[in-house]
N, C-alpha and C. Protein backbone atom coordinates (compact mmCIF):
# COMPACT_ATOMS: atom_id res chain seq x y z
N UNK A 1 -3.12 41.76 -4.40
CA UNK A 1 -1.76 41.33 -4.05
C UNK A 1 -0.82 41.78 -5.15
N UNK A 2 0.34 42.31 -4.81
CA UNK A 2 1.29 42.81 -5.78
C UNK A 2 2.13 41.69 -6.33
N UNK A 3 3.08 42.10 -7.19
CA UNK A 3 3.97 41.12 -7.80
C UNK A 3 4.94 40.56 -6.77
N UNK A 4 5.38 39.37 -6.97
CA UNK A 4 6.30 38.73 -6.04
C UNK A 4 7.70 39.26 -6.25
N UNK A 5 8.54 39.12 -5.23
CA UNK A 5 9.89 39.65 -5.28
C UNK A 5 10.75 38.92 -6.30
N UNK A 6 10.39 37.66 -6.60
CA UNK A 6 11.22 36.88 -7.51
C UNK A 6 10.67 36.87 -8.93
N UNK A 7 9.81 37.83 -9.25
CA UNK A 7 9.28 37.89 -10.59
C UNK A 7 8.07 37.03 -10.79
N UNK A 8 7.37 36.67 -9.71
CA UNK A 8 6.21 35.81 -9.81
C UNK A 8 5.02 36.51 -10.40
N UNK A 9 3.91 35.78 -10.53
CA UNK A 9 2.71 36.28 -11.16
C UNK A 9 2.03 37.32 -10.30
N UNK A 10 1.59 38.40 -10.91
CA UNK A 10 0.83 39.44 -10.23
C UNK A 10 -0.65 39.09 -10.30
N UNK A 11 -1.37 39.39 -9.23
CA UNK A 11 -2.80 39.06 -9.17
C UNK A 11 -3.52 39.76 -10.31
N UNK A 12 -4.48 39.11 -10.91
CA UNK A 12 -5.27 39.69 -11.98
C UNK A 12 -4.71 39.38 -13.36
N UNK A 13 -3.50 38.86 -13.43
CA UNK A 13 -2.90 38.50 -14.71
C UNK A 13 -3.07 37.01 -14.94
N UNK A 14 -3.36 36.67 -16.18
CA UNK A 14 -3.51 35.26 -16.52
C UNK A 14 -2.14 34.66 -16.79
N UNK A 15 -1.94 33.44 -16.30
CA UNK A 15 -0.68 32.75 -16.51
C UNK A 15 -0.60 32.26 -17.95
N UNK A 16 0.59 32.29 -18.57
CA UNK A 16 0.74 31.76 -19.93
C UNK A 16 0.39 30.28 -19.99
N UNK A 17 -0.01 29.84 -21.16
CA UNK A 17 -0.42 28.45 -21.32
C UNK A 17 0.76 27.52 -21.57
N UNK A 18 1.94 28.07 -21.81
CA UNK A 18 3.08 27.24 -22.15
C UNK A 18 4.06 27.09 -20.99
N UNK A 19 3.54 27.07 -19.77
CA UNK A 19 4.41 27.00 -18.60
C UNK A 19 5.09 25.63 -18.51
N UNK A 20 6.38 25.67 -18.21
CA UNK A 20 7.15 24.44 -17.98
C UNK A 20 8.03 24.67 -16.76
N UNK A 21 8.52 23.60 -16.19
CA UNK A 21 9.44 23.73 -15.07
C UNK A 21 10.74 24.38 -15.52
N UNK A 22 11.42 25.01 -14.57
CA UNK A 22 12.67 25.70 -14.89
C UNK A 22 13.66 24.72 -15.51
N UNK A 23 13.70 23.49 -14.98
CA UNK A 23 14.64 22.50 -15.52
C UNK A 23 14.31 22.19 -16.97
N UNK A 24 13.04 22.08 -17.29
CA UNK A 24 12.63 21.79 -18.68
C UNK A 24 12.95 22.97 -19.60
N UNK A 25 12.74 24.17 -19.10
CA UNK A 25 13.06 25.36 -19.90
C UNK A 25 14.57 25.41 -20.17
N UNK A 26 15.37 25.09 -19.16
CA UNK A 26 16.82 25.11 -19.32
C UNK A 26 17.27 24.11 -20.38
N UNK A 27 16.67 22.92 -20.37
CA UNK A 27 17.02 21.92 -21.38
C UNK A 27 16.64 22.40 -22.77
N UNK A 28 15.51 23.07 -22.89
CA UNK A 28 15.04 23.52 -24.20
C UNK A 28 15.93 24.60 -24.79
N UNK A 29 16.47 25.47 -23.93
CA UNK A 29 17.31 26.57 -24.43
C UNK A 29 18.79 26.23 -24.42
N UNK A 30 19.15 25.05 -23.91
CA UNK A 30 20.54 24.64 -23.90
C UNK A 30 21.38 25.30 -22.83
N UNK A 31 20.76 25.67 -21.72
CA UNK A 31 21.49 26.30 -20.62
C UNK A 31 21.25 25.52 -19.34
N UNK A 32 21.91 25.96 -18.28
CA UNK A 32 21.71 25.33 -16.98
C UNK A 32 20.51 25.93 -16.28
N UNK A 33 19.88 25.21 -15.35
CA UNK A 33 18.76 25.80 -14.60
C UNK A 33 19.16 27.07 -13.86
N UNK A 34 20.41 27.15 -13.39
CA UNK A 34 20.83 28.35 -12.67
C UNK A 34 20.80 29.57 -13.59
N UNK A 35 21.10 29.38 -14.90
CA UNK A 35 21.04 30.50 -15.84
C UNK A 35 19.61 31.00 -16.00
N UNK A 36 18.65 30.06 -16.04
CA UNK A 36 17.24 30.46 -16.13
C UNK A 36 16.81 31.18 -14.86
N UNK A 37 17.26 30.68 -13.69
CA UNK A 37 16.95 31.37 -12.44
C UNK A 37 17.54 32.77 -12.42
N UNK A 38 18.70 32.96 -13.03
CA UNK A 38 19.30 34.29 -13.10
C UNK A 38 18.43 35.23 -13.92
N UNK A 39 17.86 34.72 -15.02
CA UNK A 39 16.94 35.56 -15.80
C UNK A 39 15.76 36.00 -14.95
N UNK A 40 15.27 35.08 -14.12
CA UNK A 40 14.13 35.41 -13.25
C UNK A 40 14.54 36.49 -12.25
N UNK A 41 15.69 36.33 -11.61
CA UNK A 41 16.14 37.29 -10.60
C UNK A 41 16.36 38.68 -11.20
N UNK A 42 16.79 38.72 -12.44
CA UNK A 42 17.04 40.01 -13.11
C UNK A 42 15.78 40.62 -13.69
N UNK A 43 14.68 39.93 -13.59
CA UNK A 43 13.43 40.45 -14.11
C UNK A 43 13.25 40.25 -15.60
N UNK A 44 14.11 39.45 -16.21
CA UNK A 44 14.00 39.21 -17.64
C UNK A 44 12.96 38.14 -17.97
N UNK A 45 12.67 37.31 -16.99
CA UNK A 45 11.74 36.20 -17.18
C UNK A 45 10.85 36.10 -15.94
N UNK A 46 9.54 35.98 -16.17
CA UNK A 46 8.59 35.90 -15.07
C UNK A 46 8.38 34.45 -14.64
N UNK A 47 8.53 34.22 -13.35
CA UNK A 47 8.30 32.88 -12.80
C UNK A 47 6.90 32.81 -12.21
N UNK A 48 6.18 31.74 -12.52
CA UNK A 48 4.83 31.55 -12.01
C UNK A 48 4.86 30.55 -10.86
N UNK A 49 4.12 30.83 -9.79
CA UNK A 49 4.09 29.88 -8.67
C UNK A 49 3.41 28.59 -9.09
N UNK A 50 3.97 27.48 -8.64
CA UNK A 50 3.39 26.19 -8.97
C UNK A 50 3.43 25.28 -7.77
N UNK A 51 2.93 24.07 -7.93
CA UNK A 51 2.92 23.12 -6.82
C UNK A 51 4.33 22.62 -6.51
N UNK A 52 5.02 23.31 -5.61
CA UNK A 52 6.34 22.89 -5.16
C UNK A 52 7.48 23.37 -6.03
N UNK A 53 7.22 23.89 -7.22
CA UNK A 53 8.31 24.33 -8.11
C UNK A 53 7.78 25.45 -8.99
N UNK A 54 8.67 26.39 -9.27
CA UNK A 54 8.27 27.50 -10.13
C UNK A 54 8.29 27.08 -11.59
N UNK A 55 7.47 27.74 -12.37
CA UNK A 55 7.38 27.47 -13.80
C UNK A 55 7.55 28.78 -14.57
N UNK A 56 8.05 28.64 -15.79
CA UNK A 56 8.28 29.81 -16.64
C UNK A 56 7.70 29.53 -18.01
N UNK A 57 7.47 30.59 -18.76
CA UNK A 57 6.97 30.45 -20.12
C UNK A 57 8.10 29.98 -21.03
N UNK A 58 7.87 28.88 -21.73
CA UNK A 58 8.90 28.36 -22.62
C UNK A 58 9.17 29.32 -23.78
N UNK A 59 8.13 29.93 -24.31
CA UNK A 59 8.30 30.88 -25.41
C UNK A 59 9.13 32.07 -24.96
N UNK A 60 8.84 32.57 -23.74
CA UNK A 60 9.59 33.71 -23.23
C UNK A 60 11.05 33.34 -23.00
N UNK A 61 11.30 32.12 -22.52
CA UNK A 61 12.68 31.69 -22.29
C UNK A 61 13.43 31.56 -23.61
N UNK A 62 12.79 30.99 -24.61
CA UNK A 62 13.44 30.84 -25.92
C UNK A 62 13.76 32.20 -26.53
N UNK A 63 12.91 33.18 -26.27
CA UNK A 63 13.14 34.52 -26.83
C UNK A 63 14.38 35.19 -26.24
N UNK A 64 14.83 34.74 -25.07
CA UNK A 64 16.00 35.32 -24.43
C UNK A 64 17.31 34.72 -24.92
N UNK A 65 17.24 33.63 -25.67
CA UNK A 65 18.46 32.99 -26.16
C UNK A 65 19.01 33.78 -27.34
N UNK A 66 20.28 34.21 -27.30
CA UNK A 66 20.83 34.96 -28.43
C UNK A 66 20.94 34.09 -29.66
N UNK A 67 20.79 34.68 -30.84
CA UNK A 67 20.90 33.86 -32.06
C UNK A 67 22.30 33.30 -32.19
N UNK A 68 22.44 32.13 -32.78
CA UNK A 68 23.78 31.52 -32.94
C UNK A 68 24.62 32.31 -33.93
N UNK A 69 25.92 32.18 -33.81
CA UNK A 69 26.83 32.80 -34.77
C UNK A 69 26.59 32.19 -36.15
N UNK A 70 26.71 32.99 -37.21
CA UNK A 70 26.60 32.40 -38.55
C UNK A 70 27.72 31.40 -38.77
N UNK A 71 27.44 30.45 -39.62
CA UNK A 71 28.44 29.41 -39.88
C UNK A 71 29.69 30.02 -40.50
N UNK A 72 30.84 29.55 -40.04
CA UNK A 72 32.11 30.05 -40.57
C UNK A 72 32.28 29.57 -42.01
N UNK A 73 32.83 30.42 -42.89
CA UNK A 73 33.07 29.97 -44.27
C UNK A 73 34.08 28.85 -44.32
N UNK A 74 34.11 28.15 -45.44
CA UNK A 74 34.97 26.97 -45.57
C UNK A 74 36.44 27.32 -45.47
N UNK A 75 36.82 28.55 -45.83
CA UNK A 75 38.24 28.91 -45.80
C UNK A 75 38.64 29.64 -44.53
N UNK A 76 37.78 29.64 -43.51
CA UNK A 76 38.13 30.27 -42.24
C UNK A 76 39.11 29.38 -41.48
N UNK A 77 40.07 30.01 -40.81
CA UNK A 77 41.09 29.27 -40.06
C UNK A 77 41.20 29.85 -38.67
N UNK A 78 41.78 29.08 -37.76
CA UNK A 78 42.01 29.57 -36.40
C UNK A 78 43.04 30.70 -36.41
N UNK A 79 43.05 31.52 -35.35
CA UNK A 79 43.96 32.65 -35.30
C UNK A 79 45.42 32.20 -35.44
N UNK A 80 45.75 31.07 -34.82
CA UNK A 80 47.13 30.59 -34.91
C UNK A 80 47.52 30.34 -36.36
N UNK A 81 46.61 29.72 -37.13
CA UNK A 81 46.90 29.44 -38.53
C UNK A 81 46.94 30.72 -39.35
N UNK A 82 46.07 31.69 -39.02
CA UNK A 82 46.09 32.96 -39.74
C UNK A 82 47.42 33.68 -39.53
N UNK A 83 47.95 33.62 -38.30
CA UNK A 83 49.26 34.23 -38.02
C UNK A 83 50.34 33.55 -38.84
N UNK A 84 50.29 32.21 -38.88
CA UNK A 84 51.32 31.46 -39.61
C UNK A 84 51.23 31.70 -41.11
N UNK A 85 50.03 31.80 -41.65
CA UNK A 85 49.86 31.93 -43.09
C UNK A 85 50.13 33.34 -43.60
N UNK A 86 49.86 34.34 -42.77
CA UNK A 86 49.95 35.72 -43.25
C UNK A 86 51.14 36.48 -42.70
N UNK A 87 51.71 36.03 -41.57
CA UNK A 87 52.80 36.77 -40.95
C UNK A 87 52.34 37.94 -40.10
N UNK A 88 51.04 38.18 -40.03
CA UNK A 88 50.52 39.26 -39.18
C UNK A 88 50.57 38.82 -37.72
N UNK A 89 50.77 39.77 -36.82
CA UNK A 89 50.87 39.44 -35.40
C UNK A 89 49.48 39.20 -34.82
N UNK A 90 49.45 38.45 -33.73
CA UNK A 90 48.18 38.18 -33.06
C UNK A 90 47.56 39.48 -32.56
N UNK A 91 48.40 40.40 -32.09
CA UNK A 91 47.88 41.67 -31.57
C UNK A 91 47.13 42.43 -32.64
N UNK A 92 47.70 42.47 -33.85
CA UNK A 92 47.04 43.20 -34.93
C UNK A 92 45.74 42.52 -35.35
N UNK A 93 45.76 41.19 -35.44
CA UNK A 93 44.56 40.47 -35.87
C UNK A 93 43.43 40.67 -34.87
N UNK A 94 43.76 40.54 -33.58
CA UNK A 94 42.73 40.72 -32.54
C UNK A 94 42.20 42.15 -32.57
N UNK A 95 43.09 43.12 -32.78
CA UNK A 95 42.65 44.52 -32.83
C UNK A 95 41.71 44.75 -34.00
N UNK A 96 42.01 44.17 -35.15
CA UNK A 96 41.13 44.32 -36.31
C UNK A 96 39.76 43.71 -36.05
N UNK A 97 39.74 42.57 -35.35
CA UNK A 97 38.46 41.94 -35.02
C UNK A 97 37.66 42.84 -34.09
N UNK A 98 38.31 43.38 -33.06
CA UNK A 98 37.60 44.24 -32.10
C UNK A 98 37.13 45.53 -32.73
N UNK A 99 37.87 46.03 -33.70
CA UNK A 99 37.49 47.26 -34.39
C UNK A 99 36.40 47.04 -35.43
N UNK A 100 36.04 45.78 -35.67
CA UNK A 100 35.03 45.47 -36.66
C UNK A 100 35.54 45.50 -38.09
N UNK A 101 36.85 45.57 -38.27
CA UNK A 101 37.43 45.62 -39.60
C UNK A 101 37.67 44.22 -40.18
N UNK A 102 37.72 43.23 -39.30
CA UNK A 102 38.01 41.86 -39.73
C UNK A 102 36.87 40.94 -39.29
N UNK A 103 36.11 40.37 -40.22
CA UNK A 103 35.05 39.43 -39.84
C UNK A 103 35.63 38.22 -39.13
N UNK A 104 34.93 37.74 -38.13
CA UNK A 104 35.38 36.56 -37.40
C UNK A 104 34.17 35.70 -37.05
N UNK A 105 34.47 34.45 -36.76
CA UNK A 105 33.43 33.49 -36.44
C UNK A 105 33.88 32.65 -35.25
N UNK A 106 32.93 32.14 -34.50
CA UNK A 106 33.25 31.29 -33.37
C UNK A 106 33.55 29.89 -33.86
N UNK A 107 34.71 29.38 -33.48
CA UNK A 107 35.11 28.04 -33.88
C UNK A 107 35.23 27.13 -32.68
N UNK A 108 35.58 25.87 -32.91
CA UNK A 108 35.68 24.93 -31.79
C UNK A 108 36.80 25.26 -30.82
N UNK A 109 37.80 26.03 -31.26
CA UNK A 109 38.93 26.37 -30.40
C UNK A 109 39.17 27.88 -30.35
N UNK A 110 38.10 28.65 -30.43
CA UNK A 110 38.23 30.11 -30.38
C UNK A 110 37.78 30.75 -31.69
N UNK A 111 38.09 32.03 -31.83
CA UNK A 111 37.65 32.76 -33.01
C UNK A 111 38.38 32.29 -34.26
N UNK A 112 37.70 32.43 -35.40
CA UNK A 112 38.27 32.05 -36.70
C UNK A 112 38.15 33.24 -37.64
N UNK A 113 39.11 33.36 -38.55
CA UNK A 113 39.11 34.43 -39.54
C UNK A 113 39.54 33.85 -40.89
N UNK A 114 39.34 34.63 -41.94
CA UNK A 114 39.81 34.23 -43.26
C UNK A 114 41.20 34.81 -43.48
N UNK A 115 42.14 33.97 -43.92
CA UNK A 115 43.50 34.45 -44.16
C UNK A 115 43.51 35.53 -45.24
N UNK A 116 42.64 35.40 -46.24
CA UNK A 116 42.58 36.41 -47.30
C UNK A 116 42.19 37.78 -46.75
N UNK A 117 41.27 37.79 -45.78
CA UNK A 117 40.88 39.07 -45.16
C UNK A 117 42.03 39.68 -44.38
N UNK A 118 42.79 38.82 -43.68
CA UNK A 118 43.94 39.32 -42.92
C UNK A 118 44.98 39.91 -43.87
N UNK A 119 45.25 39.22 -44.97
CA UNK A 119 46.22 39.70 -45.94
C UNK A 119 45.79 41.04 -46.54
N UNK A 120 44.49 41.18 -46.80
CA UNK A 120 44.00 42.42 -47.38
C UNK A 120 44.22 43.60 -46.43
N UNK A 121 44.09 43.37 -45.13
CA UNK A 121 44.32 44.43 -44.15
C UNK A 121 45.81 44.67 -43.91
N UNK A 122 46.60 43.60 -44.02
CA UNK A 122 48.02 43.71 -43.69
C UNK A 122 48.84 44.34 -44.80
N UNK A 123 48.38 44.25 -46.05
CA UNK A 123 49.18 44.75 -47.16
C UNK A 123 49.13 46.27 -47.22
N UNK A 124 50.28 46.93 -47.27
CA UNK A 124 50.30 48.39 -47.42
C UNK A 124 49.93 48.77 -48.83
N UNK A 125 49.53 50.02 -49.05
CA UNK A 125 49.24 50.47 -50.41
C UNK A 125 50.47 50.34 -51.29
N UNK A 126 50.26 50.12 -52.56
CA UNK A 126 51.37 49.98 -53.49
C UNK A 126 52.11 51.30 -53.62
N UNK A 127 53.43 51.26 -53.91
CA UNK A 127 54.19 52.50 -54.10
C UNK A 127 53.58 53.35 -55.20
N UNK A 128 53.64 54.67 -54.99
CA UNK A 128 53.10 55.59 -55.98
C UNK A 128 51.60 55.77 -55.88
N UNK A 129 51.00 55.26 -54.82
CA UNK A 129 49.56 55.45 -54.65
C UNK A 129 48.72 54.49 -55.46
N UNK A 130 49.33 53.42 -55.99
CA UNK A 130 48.59 52.46 -56.79
C UNK A 130 47.68 51.61 -55.91
N UNK A 131 46.98 50.67 -56.54
CA UNK A 131 46.07 49.82 -55.77
C UNK A 131 46.85 48.91 -54.83
N UNK A 132 46.27 48.55 -53.70
CA UNK A 132 46.96 47.66 -52.76
C UNK A 132 47.11 46.26 -53.35
N UNK A 133 48.04 45.52 -52.79
CA UNK A 133 48.26 44.15 -53.24
C UNK A 133 47.01 43.31 -52.98
N UNK A 134 46.55 42.57 -53.98
CA UNK A 134 45.36 41.75 -53.77
C UNK A 134 45.62 40.63 -52.76
N UNK A 135 44.56 40.18 -52.14
CA UNK A 135 44.69 39.17 -51.10
C UNK A 135 45.17 37.83 -51.64
N UNK A 136 44.91 37.55 -52.93
CA UNK A 136 45.30 36.26 -53.48
C UNK A 136 46.63 36.31 -54.23
N UNK A 137 47.44 37.36 -54.00
CA UNK A 137 48.75 37.46 -54.65
C UNK A 137 49.70 36.41 -54.07
N UNK A 138 50.53 35.86 -54.94
CA UNK A 138 51.50 34.84 -54.52
C UNK A 138 52.89 35.23 -55.03
N UNK A 139 53.89 34.69 -54.35
CA UNK A 139 55.24 34.88 -54.85
C UNK A 139 55.34 34.32 -56.25
N UNK A 140 56.18 34.95 -57.08
CA UNK A 140 56.28 34.55 -58.47
C UNK A 140 56.63 33.07 -58.61
N UNK A 141 57.58 32.60 -57.81
CA UNK A 141 57.98 31.19 -57.94
C UNK A 141 56.83 30.25 -57.56
N UNK A 142 56.01 30.65 -56.57
CA UNK A 142 54.88 29.82 -56.17
C UNK A 142 53.81 29.80 -57.26
N UNK A 143 53.53 30.98 -57.83
CA UNK A 143 52.52 31.05 -58.89
C UNK A 143 52.97 30.27 -60.10
N UNK A 144 54.26 30.35 -60.45
CA UNK A 144 54.76 29.60 -61.60
C UNK A 144 54.62 28.10 -61.38
N UNK A 145 55.00 27.64 -60.20
CA UNK A 145 54.92 26.21 -59.91
C UNK A 145 53.48 25.72 -59.97
N UNK A 146 52.55 26.48 -59.40
CA UNK A 146 51.16 26.04 -59.36
C UNK A 146 50.50 26.12 -60.74
N UNK A 147 50.99 27.03 -61.60
CA UNK A 147 50.42 27.16 -62.93
C UNK A 147 51.08 26.23 -63.94
N UNK A 148 52.19 25.59 -63.54
CA UNK A 148 52.86 24.66 -64.43
C UNK A 148 53.72 25.31 -65.48
N UNK A 149 54.26 26.49 -65.18
CA UNK A 149 55.17 27.17 -66.10
C UNK A 149 56.46 27.48 -65.37
N UNK A 150 57.45 27.96 -66.11
CA UNK A 150 58.73 28.28 -65.48
C UNK A 150 58.69 29.66 -64.86
N UNK A 151 59.55 29.84 -63.86
CA UNK A 151 59.66 31.16 -63.24
C UNK A 151 60.14 32.19 -64.24
N UNK A 152 61.06 31.81 -65.12
CA UNK A 152 61.55 32.74 -66.14
C UNK A 152 60.44 33.22 -67.05
N UNK A 153 59.50 32.32 -67.37
CA UNK A 153 58.39 32.72 -68.23
C UNK A 153 57.51 33.75 -67.55
N UNK A 154 57.27 33.57 -66.27
CA UNK A 154 56.46 34.54 -65.54
C UNK A 154 57.13 35.90 -65.54
N UNK A 155 58.44 35.92 -65.28
CA UNK A 155 59.16 37.20 -65.32
C UNK A 155 59.10 37.82 -66.72
N UNK A 156 59.12 37.01 -67.75
CA UNK A 156 59.02 37.53 -69.13
C UNK A 156 57.68 38.20 -69.35
N UNK A 157 56.60 37.57 -68.87
CA UNK A 157 55.28 38.19 -69.00
C UNK A 157 55.20 39.50 -68.24
N UNK A 158 55.88 39.56 -67.09
CA UNK A 158 55.90 40.80 -66.32
C UNK A 158 56.61 41.89 -67.11
N UNK A 159 57.78 41.57 -67.70
CA UNK A 159 58.54 42.56 -68.45
C UNK A 159 57.78 43.04 -69.69
N UNK A 160 56.99 42.16 -70.28
CA UNK A 160 56.23 42.53 -71.48
C UNK A 160 54.94 43.27 -71.12
N UNK A 161 54.68 43.44 -69.84
CA UNK A 161 53.48 44.16 -69.41
C UNK A 161 52.21 43.35 -69.50
N UNK A 162 52.34 42.04 -69.63
CA UNK A 162 51.17 41.17 -69.72
C UNK A 162 50.65 40.74 -68.35
N UNK A 163 51.47 40.91 -67.33
CA UNK A 163 51.14 40.37 -66.03
C UNK A 163 51.35 41.44 -64.95
N UNK A 164 50.28 41.86 -64.27
CA UNK A 164 50.45 42.83 -63.17
C UNK A 164 51.30 42.23 -62.05
N UNK A 165 52.11 43.05 -61.43
CA UNK A 165 53.01 42.58 -60.38
C UNK A 165 52.98 43.57 -59.23
N UNK A 166 53.14 43.05 -58.02
CA UNK A 166 53.17 43.88 -56.82
C UNK A 166 54.44 43.56 -56.05
N UNK A 167 54.95 44.56 -55.36
CA UNK A 167 56.17 44.39 -54.58
C UNK A 167 55.81 44.20 -53.12
N UNK A 168 56.24 43.08 -52.55
CA UNK A 168 55.98 42.81 -51.14
C UNK A 168 56.98 43.51 -50.26
N UNK A 169 56.75 43.44 -48.95
CA UNK A 169 57.64 44.08 -47.99
C UNK A 169 58.81 43.15 -47.68
N UNK A 170 59.84 43.18 -48.55
CA UNK A 170 61.03 42.37 -48.32
C UNK A 170 60.86 40.91 -48.64
N UNK A 171 59.78 40.52 -49.28
CA UNK A 171 59.55 39.10 -49.56
C UNK A 171 59.49 38.81 -51.05
N UNK A 172 59.87 39.76 -51.90
CA UNK A 172 59.86 39.52 -53.33
C UNK A 172 58.57 39.96 -53.98
N UNK A 173 58.61 39.99 -55.31
CA UNK A 173 57.43 40.43 -56.06
C UNK A 173 56.39 39.33 -56.13
N UNK A 174 55.15 39.76 -56.28
CA UNK A 174 54.03 38.83 -56.26
C UNK A 174 53.12 39.07 -57.45
N UNK A 175 52.45 38.02 -57.87
CA UNK A 175 51.47 38.07 -58.94
C UNK A 175 50.26 37.25 -58.52
N UNK A 176 49.16 37.45 -59.25
CA UNK A 176 47.96 36.67 -58.96
C UNK A 176 48.01 35.37 -59.75
N UNK A 177 47.78 34.26 -59.06
CA UNK A 177 47.81 32.96 -59.71
C UNK A 177 46.81 32.89 -60.85
N UNK A 178 45.64 33.48 -60.67
CA UNK A 178 44.62 33.41 -61.72
C UNK A 178 45.10 34.09 -62.98
N UNK A 179 45.91 35.18 -62.85
CA UNK A 179 46.44 35.85 -64.04
C UNK A 179 47.48 34.98 -64.73
N UNK A 180 48.33 34.31 -63.95
CA UNK A 180 49.35 33.44 -64.54
C UNK A 180 48.69 32.27 -65.27
N UNK A 181 47.69 31.67 -64.65
CA UNK A 181 47.00 30.54 -65.27
C UNK A 181 46.32 30.99 -66.57
N UNK A 182 45.72 32.19 -66.56
CA UNK A 182 45.05 32.69 -67.76
C UNK A 182 46.03 32.85 -68.91
N UNK A 183 47.23 33.34 -68.61
CA UNK A 183 48.24 33.48 -69.66
C UNK A 183 48.76 32.12 -70.12
N UNK A 184 48.94 31.21 -69.17
CA UNK A 184 49.46 29.90 -69.52
C UNK A 184 48.49 29.10 -70.38
N UNK A 185 47.20 29.38 -70.26
CA UNK A 185 46.20 28.61 -70.99
C UNK A 185 45.76 29.27 -72.28
N UNK A 186 46.33 30.45 -72.61
CA UNK A 186 45.96 31.11 -73.86
C UNK A 186 46.48 30.31 -75.05
N UNK A 187 45.62 30.02 -76.01
CA UNK A 187 46.04 29.21 -77.15
C UNK A 187 46.74 30.05 -78.22
N UNK A 188 47.26 29.38 -79.20
CA UNK A 188 47.78 30.04 -80.39
C UNK A 188 49.09 30.75 -80.17
N UNK A 189 49.18 31.94 -80.74
CA UNK A 189 50.45 32.65 -80.77
C UNK A 189 50.68 33.51 -79.53
N UNK A 190 49.71 33.58 -78.65
CA UNK A 190 49.86 34.45 -77.50
C UNK A 190 51.07 34.06 -76.68
N UNK A 191 51.37 32.77 -76.62
CA UNK A 191 52.50 32.29 -75.85
C UNK A 191 53.36 31.39 -76.72
N UNK A 192 54.67 31.44 -76.57
CA UNK A 192 55.53 30.51 -77.29
C UNK A 192 55.36 29.10 -76.76
N UNK A 193 55.56 28.12 -77.63
CA UNK A 193 55.38 26.73 -77.19
C UNK A 193 56.47 26.30 -76.24
N UNK A 194 57.64 26.93 -76.31
CA UNK A 194 58.71 26.63 -75.38
C UNK A 194 59.22 27.95 -74.81
N UNK A 195 58.50 28.51 -73.83
CA UNK A 195 58.82 29.85 -73.35
C UNK A 195 60.22 29.97 -72.81
N UNK A 196 60.76 28.92 -72.20
CA UNK A 196 62.06 29.05 -71.60
C UNK A 196 63.16 29.25 -72.63
N UNK A 197 62.93 28.88 -73.90
CA UNK A 197 63.96 29.00 -74.92
C UNK A 197 64.10 30.43 -75.44
N UNK A 198 63.08 31.27 -75.18
CA UNK A 198 63.15 32.63 -75.67
C UNK A 198 63.85 33.55 -74.70
N UNK A 199 64.20 33.08 -73.53
CA UNK A 199 64.76 33.94 -72.50
C UNK A 199 66.27 33.91 -72.55
């Protein structure tokens, strides 16, 4: 006797020892019974004849389940938040994801991305062929406030060549917060005790 039309057991073949009902297999793989029946109809899963109900190999069914998405990093945000934080359009972000240029993860409300990755793709190369603006660059006033120094002091460090600076697209110059903090925390004579008085 040949194989059955619905993927049943062929004569001469031994049935697997891990046979379970389709409903049980569906519960184990986290799908509906109709999804398991679809695997059978497509020939992806062999159904064995049983007393009143077909059975399938649980191991074979589990092997058909795609691996889960890796866990999203702690700083991943929804696309809406990435658009708000970076100013990049949804069209560009989605295109980068589809092109494989922007890592993404499945979230509770759709795909998630890292804002830093979006910024790295959105920033144009620096004028003169220099390095592109780093993803963690901040506006000078924001970096000064977060580092606990005055904006004038940050500009002074820039003029003295102590602090790398990048020019944004119409949004003002930017610096890396970590560089500002490093300068602000340098002891001794590296920094004046009252920087605002020297300006």
